[in-house]
Amino acid sequence: MTTLAFDPTVPSQLQEWLTDRVAEYLPEVTEPVDPHRELGEYGLDSIAVVAFAADVEERLGTVVDPTAIWDYPTIAKLAGFLAAQQSQAV
C-alpha cells in the first residue's frame, strides 16, 4: 500500500483527495469539481471510471469495484463508502 498524506478512514480527507483525482480525469472541466455533483454530469465515461477505480484501488491498497462509482455517484458519497471500507480493513 502507498503511504498517503491523509487518513483514508476520514471521509472529509478522502473526499478532498478524490476530488483532486477526479479533476485529473476531467481536463476539459474548468470549474472546481463539486463533490456533491453526480460524476456522470461531468461526462465521466465508463473507460474513465474503470481507470479511476484502478487508480483509487492502487493508492488505497484495497479492491474498488468500478460499479461502486455508479452506486455512490458523487465524490462525497463515494468517499463515505470508501472510508467505511478502509475503517473495516484497519
PDB file of N, CA and C in Angstrom:
ATOM      1  N   MET A   1       0.838  -1.181   0.000  1.00  0.00           N
ATOM      2  CA  MET A   1       0.000   0.000   0.000  1.00  0.00           C
ATOM      3  C   MET A   1       0.883   1.244   0.000  1.00  0.00           C
ATOM      4  N   THR A   2       0.461   2.240  -0.725  1.00  0.00           N
ATOM      5  CA  THR A   2       1.161   3.508  -0.813  1.00  0.00           C
ATOM      6  C   THR A   2       0.968   4.294   0.476  1.00  0.00           C
ATOM      7  N   THR A   3       1.999   5.003   0.916  1.00  0.00           N
ATOM      8  CA  THR A   3       1.863   5.891   2.062  1.00  0.00           C
ATOM      9  C   THR A   3       1.106   7.124   1.595  1.00  0.00           C
ATOM     10  N   LEU A   4       0.049   7.441   2.303  1.00  0.00           N
ATOM     11  CA  LEU A   4      -0.807   8.564   1.914  1.00  0.00           C
ATOM     12  C   LEU A   4      -0.579   9.749   2.830  1.00  0.00           C
ATOM     13  N   ALA A   5      -0.819  10.938   2.312  1.00  0.00           N
ATOM     14  CA  ALA A   5      -0.671  12.170   3.083  1.00  0.00           C
ATOM     15  C   ALA A   5      -1.964  12.542   3.804  1.00  0.00           C
ATOM     16  N   PHE A   6      -2.897  11.605   3.871  1.00  0.00           N
ATOM     17  CA  PHE A   6      -4.174  11.840   4.537  1.00  0.00           C
ATOM     18  C   PHE A   6      -4.639  10.517   5.133  1.00  0.00           C
ATOM     19  N   ASP A   7      -5.649  10.590   5.985  1.00  0.00           N
ATOM     20  CA  ASP A   7      -6.202   9.398   6.614  1.00  0.00           C
ATOM     21  C   ASP A   7      -7.395   8.919   5.782  1.00  0.00           C
ATOM     22  N   PRO A   8      -7.285   7.776   5.093  1.00  0.00           N
ATOM     23  CA  PRO A   8      -8.373   7.312   4.228  1.00  0.00           C
ATOM     24  C   PRO A   8      -9.598   6.802   4.978  1.00  0.00           C
ATOM     25  N   THR A   9      -9.544   6.794   6.313  1.00  0.00           N
ATOM     26  CA  THR A   9     -10.729   6.416   7.086  1.00  0.00           C
ATOM     27  C   THR A   9     -11.555   7.639   7.475  1.00  0.00           C
ATOM     28  N   VAL A  10     -11.054   8.830   7.150  1.00  0.00           N
ATOM     29  CA  VAL A  10     -11.767  10.080   7.446  1.00  0.00           C
ATOM     30  C   VAL A  10     -12.412  10.567   6.151  1.00  0.00           C
ATOM     31  N   PRO A  11     -13.758  10.482   6.066  1.00  0.00           N
ATOM     32  CA  PRO A  11     -14.426  10.832   4.808  1.00  0.00           C
ATOM     33  C   PRO A  11     -14.057  12.197   4.239  1.00  0.00           C
ATOM     34  N   SER A  12     -13.926  13.215   5.071  1.00  0.00           N
ATOM     35  CA  SER A  12     -13.620  14.551   4.549  1.00  0.00           C
ATOM     36  C   SER A  12     -12.232  14.603   3.912  1.00  0.00           C
ATOM     37  N   GLN A  13     -11.268  13.911   4.506  1.00  0.00           N
ATOM     38  CA  GLN A  13      -9.926  13.881   3.927  1.00  0.00           C
ATOM     39  C   GLN A  13      -9.911  13.069   2.639  1.00  0.00           C
ATOM     40  N   LEU A  14     -10.616  11.958   2.639  1.00  0.00           N
ATOM     41  CA  LEU A  14     -10.702  11.123   1.446  1.00  0.00           C
ATOM     42  C   LEU A  14     -11.444  11.867   0.336  1.00  0.00           C
ATOM     43  N   GLN A  15     -12.485  12.596   0.701  1.00  0.00           N
ATOM     44  CA  GLN A  15     -13.249  13.370  -0.278  1.00  0.00           C
ATOM     45  C   GLN A  15     -12.367  14.413  -0.967  1.00  0.00           C
ATOM     46  N   GLU A  16     -11.549  15.078  -0.207  1.00  0.00           N
ATOM     47  CA  GLU A  16     -10.656  16.091  -0.796  1.00  0.00           C
ATOM     48  C   GLU A  16      -9.692  15.437  -1.788  1.00  0.00           C
ATOM     49  N   TRP A  17      -9.123  14.305  -1.405  1.00  0.00           N
ATOM     50  CA  TRP A  17      -8.201  13.592  -2.284  1.00  0.00           C
ATOM     51  C   TRP A  17      -8.909  13.087  -3.533  1.00  0.00           C
ATOM     52  N   LEU A  18     -10.111  12.514  -3.364  1.00  0.00           N
ATOM     53  CA  LEU A  18     -10.869  12.017  -4.510  1.00  0.00           C
ATOM     54  C   LEU A  18     -11.239  13.152  -5.463  1.00  0.00           C
ATOM     55  N   THR A  19     -11.575  14.307  -4.923  1.00  0.00           N
ATOM     56  CA  THR A  19     -11.911  15.465  -5.755  1.00  0.00           C
ATOM     57  C   THR A  19     -10.730  15.835  -6.640  1.00  0.00           C
ATOM     58  N   ASP A  20      -9.546  15.851  -6.060  1.00  0.00           N
ATOM     59  CA  ASP A  20      -8.343  16.143  -6.849  1.00  0.00           C
ATOM     60  C   ASP A  20      -8.102  15.070  -7.904  1.00  0.00           C
ATOM     61  N   ARG A  21      -8.316  13.812  -7.562  1.00  0.00           N
ATOM     62  CA  ARG A  21      -8.096  12.710  -8.505  1.00  0.00           C
ATOM     63  C   ARG A  21      -9.089  12.800  -9.667  1.00  0.00           C
ATOM     64  N   VAL A  22     -10.353  13.025  -9.360  1.00  0.00           N
ATOM     65  CA  VAL A  22     -11.371  13.120 -10.414  1.00  0.00           C
ATOM     66  C   VAL A  22     -11.044  14.269 -11.353  1.00  0.00           C
ATOM     67  N   ALA A  23     -10.592  15.377 -10.814  1.00  0.00           N
ATOM     68  CA  ALA A  23     -10.255  16.544 -11.649  1.00  0.00           C
ATOM     69  C   ALA A  23      -9.210  16.182 -12.705  1.00  0.00           C
ATOM     70  N   GLU A  24      -8.317  15.269 -12.383  1.00  0.00           N
ATOM     71  CA  GLU A  24      -7.304  14.843 -13.354  1.00  0.00           C
ATOM     72  C   GLU A  24      -7.916  14.071 -14.523  1.00  0.00           C
ATOM     73  N   TYR A  25      -9.068  13.467 -14.306  1.00  0.00           N
ATOM     74  CA  TYR A  25      -9.754  12.727 -15.366  1.00  0.00           C
ATOM     75  C   TYR A  25     -10.687  13.620 -16.179  1.00  0.00           C
ATOM     76  N   LEU A  26     -10.791  14.870 -15.790  1.00  0.00           N
ATOM     77  CA  LEU A  26     -11.695  15.817 -16.452  1.00  0.00           C
ATOM     78  C   LEU A  26     -10.940  17.076 -16.879  1.00  0.00           C
ATOM     79  N   PRO A  27      -9.954  16.941 -17.746  1.00  0.00           N
ATOM     80  CA  PRO A  27      -9.137  18.113 -18.101  1.00  0.00           C
ATOM     81  C   PRO A  27      -9.922  19.230 -18.790  1.00  0.00           C
ATOM     82  N   GLU A  28     -11.049  18.907 -19.415  1.00  0.00           N
ATOM     83  CA  GLU A  28     -11.827  19.929 -20.106  1.00  0.00           C
ATOM     84  C   GLU A  28     -12.725  20.723 -19.161  1.00  0.00           C
ATOM     85  N   VAL A  29     -12.867  20.272 -17.917  1.00  0.00           N
ATOM     86  CA  VAL A  29     -13.697  20.976 -16.938  1.00  0.00           C
ATOM     87  C   VAL A  29     -12.849  22.073 -16.310  1.00  0.00           C
ATOM     88  N   THR A  30     -13.313  23.314 -16.442  1.00  0.00           N
ATOM     89  CA  THR A  30     -12.541  24.458 -15.955  1.00  0.00           C
ATOM     90  C   THR A  30     -12.926  24.889 -14.541  1.00  0.00           C
ATOM     91  N   GLU A  31     -14.152  24.579 -14.114  1.00  0.00           N
ATOM     92  CA  GLU A  31     -14.563  24.959 -12.762  1.00  0.00           C
ATOM     93  C   GLU A  31     -14.140  23.867 -11.779  1.00  0.00           C
ATOM     94  N   PRO A  32     -14.040  24.211 -10.490  1.00  0.00           N
ATOM     95  CA  PRO A  32     -13.683  23.198  -9.494  1.00  0.00           C
ATOM     96  C   PRO A  32     -14.712  22.056  -9.501  1.00  0.00           C
ATOM     97  N   VAL A  33     -14.234  20.850  -9.277  1.00  0.00           N
ATOM     98  CA  VAL A  33     -15.118  19.683  -9.217  1.00  0.00           C
ATOM     99  C   VAL A  33     -15.905  19.760  -7.917  1.00  0.00           C
ATOM    100  N   ASP A  34     -17.218  19.654  -8.030  1.00  0.00           N
ATOM    101  CA  ASP A  34     -18.118  19.713  -6.874  1.00  0.00           C
ATOM    102  C   ASP A  34     -18.296  18.297  -6.327  1.00  0.00           C
ATOM    103  N   PRO A  35     -17.909  18.037  -5.078  1.00  0.00           N
ATOM    104  CA  PRO A  35     -18.020  16.690  -4.525  1.00  0.00           C
ATOM    105  C   PRO A  35     -19.455  16.218  -4.322  1.00  0.00           C
ATOM    106  N   HIS A  36     -20.425  17.120  -4.492  1.00  0.00           N
ATOM    107  CA  HIS A  36     -21.831  16.754  -4.316  1.00  0.00           C
ATOM    108  C   HIS A  36     -22.580  16.641  -5.649  1.00  0.00           C
ATOM    109  N   ARG A  37     -21.874  16.847  -6.725  1.00  0.00           N
ATOM    110  CA  ARG A  37     -22.466  16.725  -8.066  1.00  0.00           C
ATOM    111  C   ARG A  37     -22.200  15.318  -8.594  1.00  0.00           C
ATOM    112  N   GLU A  38     -23.183  14.725  -9.257  1.00  0.00           N
ATOM    113  CA  GLU A  38     -23.014  13.379  -9.789  1.00  0.00           C
ATOM    114  C   GLU A  38     -21.918  13.367 -10.851  1.00  0.00           C
ATOM    115  N   LEU A  39     -21.049  12.373 -10.754  1.00  0.00           N
ATOM    116  CA  LEU A  39     -19.913  12.281 -11.668  1.00  0.00           C
ATOM    117  C   LEU A  39     -20.351  12.147 -13.116  1.00  0.00           C
ATOM    118  N   GLY A  40     -21.472  11.497 -13.352  1.00  0.00           N
ATOM    119  CA  GLY A  40     -21.988  11.356 -14.710  1.00  0.00           C
ATOM    120  C   GLY A  40     -22.296  12.693 -15.353  1.00  0.00           C
ATOM    121  N   GLU A  41     -22.628  13.684 -14.547  1.00  0.00           N
ATOM    122  CA  GLU A  41     -22.908  15.020 -15.067  1.00  0.00           C
ATOM    123  C   GLU A  41     -21.658  15.676 -15.650  1.00  0.00           C
ATOM    124  N   TYR A  42     -20.503  15.219 -15.224  1.00  0.00           N
ATOM    125  CA  TYR A  42     -19.241  15.737 -15.756  1.00  0.00           C
ATOM    126  C   TYR A  42     -18.836  15.040 -17.048  1.00  0.00           C
ATOM    127  N   GLY A  43     -19.587  14.007 -17.413  1.00  0.00           N
ATOM    128  CA  GLY A  43     -19.262  13.281 -18.632  1.00  0.00           C
ATOM    129  C   GLY A  43     -18.221  12.195 -18.431  1.00  0.00           C
ATOM    130  N   LEU A  44     -18.039  11.780 -17.196  1.00  0.00           N
ATOM    131  CA  LEU A  44     -17.100  10.703 -16.905  1.00  0.00           C
ATOM    132  C   LEU A  44     -17.654   9.421 -17.517  1.00  0.00           C
ATOM    133  N   ASP A  45     -16.956   8.885 -18.516  1.00  0.00           N
ATOM    134  CA  ASP A  45     -17.462   7.702 -19.203  1.00  0.00           C
ATOM    135  C   ASP A  45     -16.946   6.430 -18.545  1.00  0.00           C
ATOM    136  N   SER A  46     -17.405   5.285 -19.053  1.00  0.00           N
ATOM    137  CA  SER A  46     -17.073   4.008 -18.432  1.00  0.00           C
ATOM    138  C   SER A  46     -15.580   3.710 -18.472  1.00  0.00           C
ATOM    139  N   ILE A  47     -14.902   4.114 -19.518  1.00  0.00           N
ATOM    140  CA  ILE A  47     -13.456   3.893 -19.608  1.00  0.00           C
ATOM    141  C   ILE A  47     -12.741   4.687 -18.517  1.00  0.00           C
ATOM    142  N   ALA A  48     -13.136   5.939 -18.341  1.00  0.00           N
ATOM    143  CA  ALA A  48     -12.533   6.775 -17.306  1.00  0.00           C
ATOM    144  C   ALA A  48     -12.860   6.239 -15.916  1.00  0.00           C
ATOM    145  N   VAL A  49     -14.076   5.729 -15.737  1.00  0.00           N
ATOM    146  CA  VAL A  49     -14.481   5.178 -14.440  1.00  0.00           C
ATOM    147  C   VAL A  49     -13.619   3.974 -14.072  1.00  0.00           C
ATOM    148  N   VAL A  50     -13.379   3.085 -15.036  1.00  0.00           N
ATOM    149  CA  VAL A  50     -12.542   1.909 -14.780  1.00  0.00           C
ATOM    150  C   VAL A  50     -11.115   2.344 -14.426  1.00  0.00           C
ATOM    151  N   ALA A  51     -10.577   3.311 -15.154  1.00  0.00           N
ATOM    152  CA  ALA A  51      -9.229   3.810 -14.875  1.00  0.00           C
ATOM    153  C   ALA A  51      -9.173   4.496 -13.507  1.00  0.00           C
ATOM    154  N   PHE A  52     -10.188   5.284 -13.207  1.00  0.00           N
ATOM    155  CA  PHE A  52     -10.261   5.979 -11.912  1.00  0.00           C
ATOM    156  C   PHE A  52     -10.339   4.958 -10.778  1.00  0.00           C
ATOM    157  N   ALA A  53     -11.183   3.940 -10.926  1.00  0.00           N
ATOM    158  CA  ALA A  53     -11.311   2.905  -9.897  1.00  0.00           C
ATOM    159  C   ALA A  53      -9.983   2.187  -9.680  1.00  0.00           C
ATOM    160  N   ALA A  54      -9.279   1.877 -10.760  1.00  0.00           N
ATOM    161  CA  ALA A  54      -7.977   1.211 -10.646  1.00  0.00           C
ATOM    162  C   ALA A  54      -6.967   2.113  -9.943  1.00  0.00           C
ATOM    163  N   ASP A  55      -7.009   3.401 -10.236  1.00  0.00           N
ATOM    164  CA  ASP A  55      -6.125   4.372  -9.607  1.00  0.00           C
ATOM    165  C   ASP A  55      -6.391   4.425  -8.103  1.00  0.00           C
ATOM    166  N   VAL A  56      -7.648   4.548  -7.735  1.00  0.00           N
ATOM    167  CA  VAL A  56      -8.029   4.611  -6.321  1.00  0.00           C
ATOM    168  C   VAL A  56      -7.645   3.306  -5.628  1.00  0.00           C
ATOM    169  N   GLU A  57      -7.917   2.196  -6.281  1.00  0.00           N
ATOM    170  CA  GLU A  57      -7.576   0.879  -5.730  1.00  0.00           C
ATOM    171  C   GLU A  57      -6.077   0.779  -5.448  1.00  0.00           C
ATOM    172  N   GLU A  58      -5.280   1.207  -6.407  1.00  0.00           N
ATOM    173  CA  GLU A  58      -3.822   1.149  -6.242  1.00  0.00           C
ATOM    174  C   GLU A  58      -3.357   2.033  -5.092  1.00  0.00           C
ATOM    175  N   ARG A  59      -3.898   3.222  -5.016  1.00  0.00           N
ATOM    176  CA  ARG A  59      -3.465   4.176  -3.985  1.00  0.00           C
ATOM    177  C   ARG A  59      -3.907   3.755  -2.589  1.00  0.00           C
ATOM    178  N   LEU A  60      -5.141   3.218  -2.477  1.00  0.00           N
ATOM    179  CA  LEU A  60      -5.662   2.840  -1.165  1.00  0.00           C
ATOM    180  C   LEU A  60      -5.275   1.423  -0.760  1.00  0.00           C
ATOM    181  N   GLY A  61      -4.841   0.624  -1.732  1.00  0.00           N
ATOM    182  CA  GLY A  61      -4.456  -0.747  -1.423  1.00  0.00           C
ATOM    183  C   GLY A  61      -5.632  -1.636  -1.096  1.00  0.00           C
ATOM    184  N   THR A  62      -6.773  -1.343  -1.679  1.00  0.00           N
ATOM    185  CA  THR A  62      -7.973  -2.135  -1.455  1.00  0.00           C
ATOM    186  C   THR A  62      -8.717  -2.288  -2.775  1.00  0.00           C
ATOM    187  N   VAL A  63      -9.529  -3.300  -2.880  1.00  0.00           N
ATOM    188  CA  VAL A  63     -10.295  -3.530  -4.107  1.00  0.00           C
ATOM    189  C   VAL A  63     -11.402  -2.481  -4.219  1.00  0.00           C
ATOM    190  N   VAL A  64     -11.473  -1.843  -5.384  1.00  0.00           N
ATOM    191  CA  VAL A  64     -12.532  -0.862  -5.661  1.00  0.00           C
ATOM    192  C   VAL A  64     -13.214  -1.299  -6.946  1.00  0.00           C
ATOM    193  N   ASP A  65     -14.397  -1.855  -6.806  1.00  0.00           N
ATOM    194  CA  ASP A  65     -15.176  -2.278  -7.966  1.00  0.00           C
ATOM    195  C   ASP A  65     -15.655  -1.021  -8.691  1.00  0.00           C
ATOM    196  N   PRO A  66     -15.414  -0.921  -9.997  1.00  0.00           N
ATOM    197  CA  PRO A  66     -15.858   0.269 -10.736  1.00  0.00           C
ATOM    198  C   PRO A  66     -17.358   0.554 -10.594  1.00  0.00           C
ATOM    199  N   THR A  67     -18.163  -0.460 -10.348  1.00  0.00           N
ATOM    200  CA  THR A  67     -19.601  -0.215 -10.180  1.00  0.00           C
ATOM    201  C   THR A  67     -19.888   0.601  -8.923  1.00  0.00           C
ATOM    202  N   ALA A  68     -18.965   0.600  -7.953  1.00  0.00           N
ATOM    203  CA  ALA A  68     -19.153   1.412  -6.742  1.00  0.00           C
ATOM    204  C   ALA A  68     -19.242   2.891  -7.094  1.00  0.00           C
ATOM    205  N   ILE A  69     -18.566   3.281  -8.166  1.00  0.00           N
ATOM    206  CA  ILE A  69     -18.592   4.685  -8.567  1.00  0.00           C
ATOM    207  C   ILE A  69     -19.972   5.085  -9.074  1.00  0.00           C
ATOM    208  N   TRP A  70     -20.688   4.145  -9.662  1.00  0.00           N
ATOM    209  CA  TRP A  70     -22.062   4.423 -10.084  1.00  0.00           C
ATOM    210  C   TRP A  70     -23.036   4.230  -8.926  1.00  0.00           C
ATOM    211  N   ASP A  71     -22.715   3.299  -8.008  1.00  0.00           N
ATOM    212  CA  ASP A  71     -23.571   3.078  -6.834  1.00  0.00           C
ATOM    213  C   ASP A  71     -23.512   4.259  -5.866  1.00  0.00           C
ATOM    214  N   TYR A  72     -22.360   4.922  -5.822  1.00  0.00           N
ATOM    215  CA  TYR A  72     -22.140   6.106  -4.985  1.00  0.00           C
ATOM    216  C   TYR A  72     -21.731   7.224  -5.938  1.00  0.00           C
ATOM    217  N   PRO A  73     -22.714   7.834  -6.607  1.00  0.00           N
ATOM    218  CA  PRO A  73     -22.447   8.668  -7.787  1.00  0.00           C
ATOM    219  C   PRO A  73     -21.815  10.040  -7.557  1.00  0.00           C
ATOM    220  N   THR A  74     -21.640  10.437  -6.315  1.00  0.00           N
ATOM    221  CA  THR A  74     -20.942  11.704  -6.063  1.00  0.00           C
ATOM    222  C   THR A  74     -19.647  11.390  -5.314  1.00  0.00           C
ATOM    223  N   ILE A  75     -18.721  12.301  -5.364  1.00  0.00           N
ATOM    224  CA  ILE A  75     -17.469  12.101  -4.639  1.00  0.00           C
ATOM    225  C   ILE A  75     -17.744  12.002  -3.144  1.00  0.00           C
ATOM    226  N   ALA A  76     -18.673  12.807  -2.640  1.00  0.00           N
ATOM    227  CA  ALA A  76     -18.992  12.773  -1.209  1.00  0.00           C
ATOM    228  C   ALA A  76     -19.512  11.398  -0.799  1.00  0.00           C
ATOM    229  N   LYS A  77     -20.424  10.847  -1.582  1.00  0.00           N
ATOM    230  CA  LYS A  77     -20.971   9.520  -1.257  1.00  0.00           C
ATOM    231  C   LYS A  77     -19.909   8.438  -1.407  1.00  0.00           C
ATOM    232  N   LEU A  78     -19.105   8.538  -2.450  1.00  0.00           N
ATOM    233  CA  LEU A  78     -18.041   7.563  -2.679  1.00  0.00           C
ATOM    234  C   LEU A  78     -17.016   7.630  -1.542  1.00  0.00           C
ATOM    235  N   ALA A  79     -16.679   8.825  -1.110  1.00  0.00           N
ATOM    236  CA  ALA A  79     -15.724   8.993  -0.007  1.00  0.00           C
ATOM    237  C   ALA A  79     -16.257   8.337   1.270  1.00  0.00           C
ATOM    238  N   GLY A  80     -17.540   8.513   1.546  1.00  0.00           N
ATOM    239  CA  GLY A  80     -18.140   7.885   2.725  1.00  0.00           C
ATOM    240  C   GLY A  80     -18.062   6.370   2.654  1.00  0.00           C
ATOM    241  N   PHE A  81     -18.394   5.828   1.491  1.00  0.00           N
ATOM    242  CA  PHE A  81     -18.333   4.378   1.281  1.00  0.00           C
ATOM    243  C   PHE A  81     -16.912   3.858   1.433  1.00  0.00           C
ATOM    244  N   LEU A  82     -15.965   4.500   0.761  1.00  0.00           N
ATOM    245  CA  LEU A  82     -14.580   4.035   0.797  1.00  0.00           C
ATOM    246  C   LEU A  82     -13.957   4.203   2.184  1.00  0.00           C
ATOM    247  N   ALA A  83     -14.294   5.278   2.888  1.00  0.00           N
ATOM    248  CA  ALA A  83     -13.774   5.488   4.242  1.00  0.00           C
ATOM    249  C   ALA A  83     -14.270   4.387   5.172  1.00  0.00           C
ATOM    250  N   ALA A  84     -15.535   4.017   5.034  1.00  0.00           N
ATOM    251  CA  ALA A  84     -16.086   2.928   5.844  1.00  0.00           C
ATOM    252  C   ALA A  84     -15.386   1.616   5.523  1.00  0.00           C
ATOM    253  N   GLN A  85     -15.141   1.395   4.240  1.00  0.00           N
ATOM    254  CA  GLN A  85     -14.437   0.189   3.790  1.00  0.00           C
ATOM    255  C   GLN A  85     -13.010   0.174   4.372  1.00  0.00           C
ATOM    256  N   GLN A  86     -12.344   1.324   4.361  1.00  0.00           N
ATOM    257  CA  GLN A  86     -10.994   1.417   4.908  1.00  0.00           C
ATOM    258  C   GLN A  86     -10.993   1.201   6.419  1.00  0.00           C
ATOM    259  N   SER A  87     -12.003   1.716   7.094  1.00  0.00           N
ATOM    260  CA  SER A  87     -12.095   1.552   8.552  1.00  0.00           C
ATOM    261  C   SER A  87     -12.252   0.085   8.929  1.00  0.00           C
ATOM    262  N   GLN A  88     -13.009  -0.646   8.149  1.00  0.00           N
ATOM    263  CA  GLN A  88     -13.211  -2.071   8.413  1.00  0.00           C
ATOM    264  C   GLN A  88     -11.928  -2.857   8.186  1.00  0.00           C
ATOM    265  N   ALA A  89     -11.084  -2.386   7.295  1.00  0.00           N
ATOM    266  CA  ALA A  89      -9.846  -3.090   6.957  1.00  0.00           C
ATOM    267  C   ALA A  89      -8.758  -2.857   7.993  1.00  0.00           C
ATOM    268  N   VAL A  90      -8.906  -1.805   8.801  1.00  0.00           N
ATOM    269  CA  VAL A  90      -7.865  -1.454   9.780  1.00  0.00           C
ATOM    270  C   VAL A  90      -7.932  -2.364  10.972  1.00  0.00           C
TER     271      VAL A  90
END
